[in-house]
C-alpha cells in the first residue's frame, strides 16, 4: 500500500506543478495498480507493484524501439521521459560486483553443476533481490559463470 500512496502523492505534486507528462504517467500507473488490486481482491505486495512497473517499462522500451524504426524522434523523446519517471519507482539496481557475488552465492546454495542448473540459480537470485535485477543481464552473467565451470 505504501507504493500506491507514493504514486498518489507524486500525482498530486505533478498536478500542482502542471507537469503533464508526469501526470499522465502516474495516472496510467495508478490505473494499472487499481486494476490489479481489483483482480486480486486485495492490496498489492511489493513484488506485484514492481512487476507492474517493470511491465510498463518494457512496454515503453518496445515503443521507443518502434518509434526509432519509424523515424518518429518526437515520440521517442516523449517515451524516454516517461520511462525515466517509471524508473523512479523501482529500487536501485544491483551493481555488477554485487551481482557477481550474488551469483557465486546462488551457485553454491543450489549446488549448480552446469548450464542445466541455470534456472535454479536465476530463481534463487530473483527471489532474494526482487525488482533489483534486470533479467536479461542476470541471465547472461549466470550463463557465463556456469559455462566456465
Protein backbone atom coordinates (compact mmCIF):
# COMPACT_ATOMS: atom_id res chain seq x y z
CA UNK A 1 0.00 0.00 0.00
CA UNK A 2 2.90 2.37 0.62
CA UNK A 3 3.84 2.26 -3.06
CA UNK A 4 0.36 3.25 -4.12
CA UNK A 5 0.38 6.20 -1.71
CA UNK A 6 3.80 7.21 -3.06
CA UNK A 7 2.37 7.27 -6.59
CA UNK A 8 -0.70 9.21 -5.41
CA UNK A 9 1.49 11.79 -3.65
CA UNK A 10 3.62 12.11 -6.78
CA UNK A 11 0.47 12.65 -8.82
CA UNK A 12 -0.72 15.43 -6.50
CA UNK A 13 2.67 17.13 -6.72
CA UNK A 14 2.73 16.81 -10.52
CA UNK A 15 -0.75 18.32 -10.76
CA UNK A 16 0.37 21.28 -8.65
CA UNK A 17 3.42 21.77 -10.86
CA UNK A 18 1.37 21.32 -14.05
CA UNK A 19 3.81 18.64 -15.27
CA UNK A 20 1.59 17.00 -17.91
CA UNK A 21 3.94 14.12 -18.78
CA UNK A 22 4.41 13.12 -15.13
CA UNK A 23 0.65 13.40 -14.52
CA UNK A 24 -0.04 11.15 -17.49
CA UNK A 25 2.48 8.50 -16.43
CA UNK A 26 1.37 8.46 -12.79
CA UNK A 27 -2.31 8.23 -13.75
CA UNK A 28 -1.50 5.30 -16.04
CA UNK A 29 0.46 3.62 -13.24
CA UNK A 30 -2.35 4.19 -10.72
CA UNK A 31 -4.87 2.72 -13.14
CA UNK A 32 -2.69 -0.39 -13.58
CA UNK A 33 -2.36 -0.73 -9.79
CA UNK A 34 -6.12 -0.36 -9.25
CA UNK A 35 -6.88 -2.91 -11.99
CA UNK A 36 -4.50 -5.43 -10.43
CA UNK A 37 -5.93 -4.81 -6.95
CA UNK A 38 -9.45 -5.40 -8.26
CA UNK A 39 -8.26 -8.59 -9.95
CA UNK A 40 -6.51 -9.82 -6.79
CA UNK A 41 -9.23 -8.51 -4.43
CA UNK A 42 -6.56 -7.17 -2.07
CA UNK A 43 -3.75 -4.62 -1.87
CA UNK A 44 -0.67 -5.41 -3.93
CA UNK A 45 2.50 -6.77 -2.44
CA UNK A 46 5.83 -5.08 -3.10
CA UNK A 47 6.76 -7.70 -5.72
CA UNK A 48 3.45 -7.26 -7.54
CA UNK A 49 3.91 -3.48 -7.58
CA UNK A 50 7.42 -3.87 -9.04
CA UNK A 51 6.05 -6.30 -11.64
CA UNK A 52 3.54 -3.69 -12.81
CA UNK A 53 6.25 -1.03 -13.06
CA UNK A 54 8.57 -3.42 -14.93
CA UNK A 55 5.81 -4.34 -17.38
CA UNK A 56 5.16 -0.68 -18.07
CA UNK A 57 8.89 -0.05 -18.53
CA UNK A 58 9.12 -2.93 -21.00
CA UNK A 59 6.17 -1.51 -22.97
CA UNK A 60 7.91 1.88 -23.13
CA UNK A 61 11.17 0.29 -24.29
CA UNK A 62 9.30 -1.55 -27.05
CA UNK A 63 7.58 1.68 -28.07
CA UNK A 64 10.90 3.54 -28.18
CA UNK A 65 12.37 0.86 -30.43
CA UNK A 66 9.37 1.02 -32.76
CA UNK A 67 9.38 4.80 -32.93
CA UNK A 68 13.10 4.82 -33.73
CA UNK A 69 12.50 2.43 -36.63
CA UNK A 70 9.69 4.70 -37.82
CA UNK A 71 11.89 7.82 -37.57
CA UNK A 72 9.46 9.37 -35.03
CA UNK A 73 12.05 11.03 -32.80
CA UNK A 74 9.50 13.37 -31.23
CA UNK A 75 7.68 10.32 -29.83
CA UNK A 76 10.97 8.67 -28.84
CA UNK A 77 11.80 11.70 -26.69
CA UNK A 78 8.35 11.63 -25.01
CA UNK A 79 8.61 7.88 -24.30
CA UNK A 80 12.12 8.29 -22.84
CA UNK A 81 10.87 10.99 -20.46
CA UNK A 82 8.03 8.71 -19.36
CA UNK A 83 10.50 5.84 -18.95
CA UNK A 84 12.65 7.90 -16.57
CA UNK A 85 9.61 8.69 -14.43
CA UNK A 86 8.71 4.99 -14.19
CA UNK A 87 12.26 4.03 -13.24
CA UNK A 88 11.95 6.24 -10.15
CA UNK A 89 9.58 3.66 -8.67
CA UNK A 90 11.99 0.73 -8.93
CA UNK A 91 14.53 0.02 -6.22
CA UNK A 92 18.19 0.67 -7.00
CA UNK A 93 19.58 -1.98 -9.34
CA UNK A 94 22.43 -4.19 -8.18
CA UNK A 95 25.90 -3.27 -9.38
CA UNK A 96 27.88 -5.73 -11.47
CA UNK A 97 30.06 -6.60 -8.46
CA UNK A 98 27.02 -7.26 -6.27
CA UNK A 99 25.51 -9.43 -9.00
CA UNK A 100 28.72 -11.42 -9.37
CA UNK A 101 28.88 -12.02 -5.62
CA UNK A 102 25.19 -12.96 -5.60
CA UNK A 103 25.68 -15.39 -8.48
CA UNK A 104 28.58 -17.07 -6.66
CA UNK A 105 26.44 -17.36 -3.53
CA UNK A 106 23.49 -18.76 -5.52
CA UNK A 107 25.67 -21.30 -7.36
CA UNK A 108 26.93 -22.59 -4.01
CA UNK A 109 23.46 -22.51 -2.38
CA UNK A 110 21.71 -24.51 -5.10
CA UNK A 111 24.82 -26.61 -5.83
CA UNK A 112 24.74 -25.76 -9.53
CA UNK A 113 26.95 -28.06 -11.60
CA UNK A 114 26.46 -26.63 -15.07
CA UNK A 115 24.15 -24.86 -17.51
CA UNK A 116 21.29 -27.24 -16.73
CA UNK A 117 21.04 -25.63 -13.27
CA UNK A 118 20.80 -22.09 -14.68
CA UNK A 119 17.08 -21.81 -13.87
CA UNK A 120 17.66 -22.69 -10.21
CA UNK A 121 20.35 -20.02 -9.87
CA UNK A 122 18.22 -17.33 -11.54
CA UNK A 123 15.17 -18.23 -9.43
CA UNK A 124 17.27 -18.02 -6.25
CA UNK A 125 18.55 -14.55 -7.15
CA UNK A 126 15.20 -13.19 -8.35
CA UNK A 127 13.63 -14.20 -5.04
CA UNK A 128 16.50 -12.79 -2.99
CA UNK A 129 16.64 -9.44 -4.84
CA UNK A 130 13.09 -8.74 -6.09
CA UNK A 131 12.94 -5.86 -8.53
CA UNK A 132 16.65 -5.12 -8.27
CA UNK A 133 17.96 -7.27 -11.12
CA UNK A 134 17.48 -6.98 -14.87
CA UNK A 135 16.60 -10.49 -16.04
CA UNK A 136 18.48 -10.28 -19.35
CA UNK A 137 21.70 -9.11 -17.71
CA UNK A 138 21.37 -11.73 -14.98
CA UNK A 139 20.75 -14.50 -17.48
CA UNK A 140 23.85 -13.59 -19.47
CA UNK A 141 26.03 -13.38 -16.34
CA UNK A 142 24.76 -16.69 -14.94
CA UNK A 143 25.28 -18.41 -18.30
CA UNK A 144 28.85 -17.07 -18.45
CA UNK A 145 29.54 -18.20 -14.87
CA UNK A 146 28.10 -21.68 -15.33
CA UNK A 147 29.84 -22.14 -18.70
CA UNK A 148 33.21 -21.56 -17.06
CA UNK A 149 32.75 -24.43 -14.60
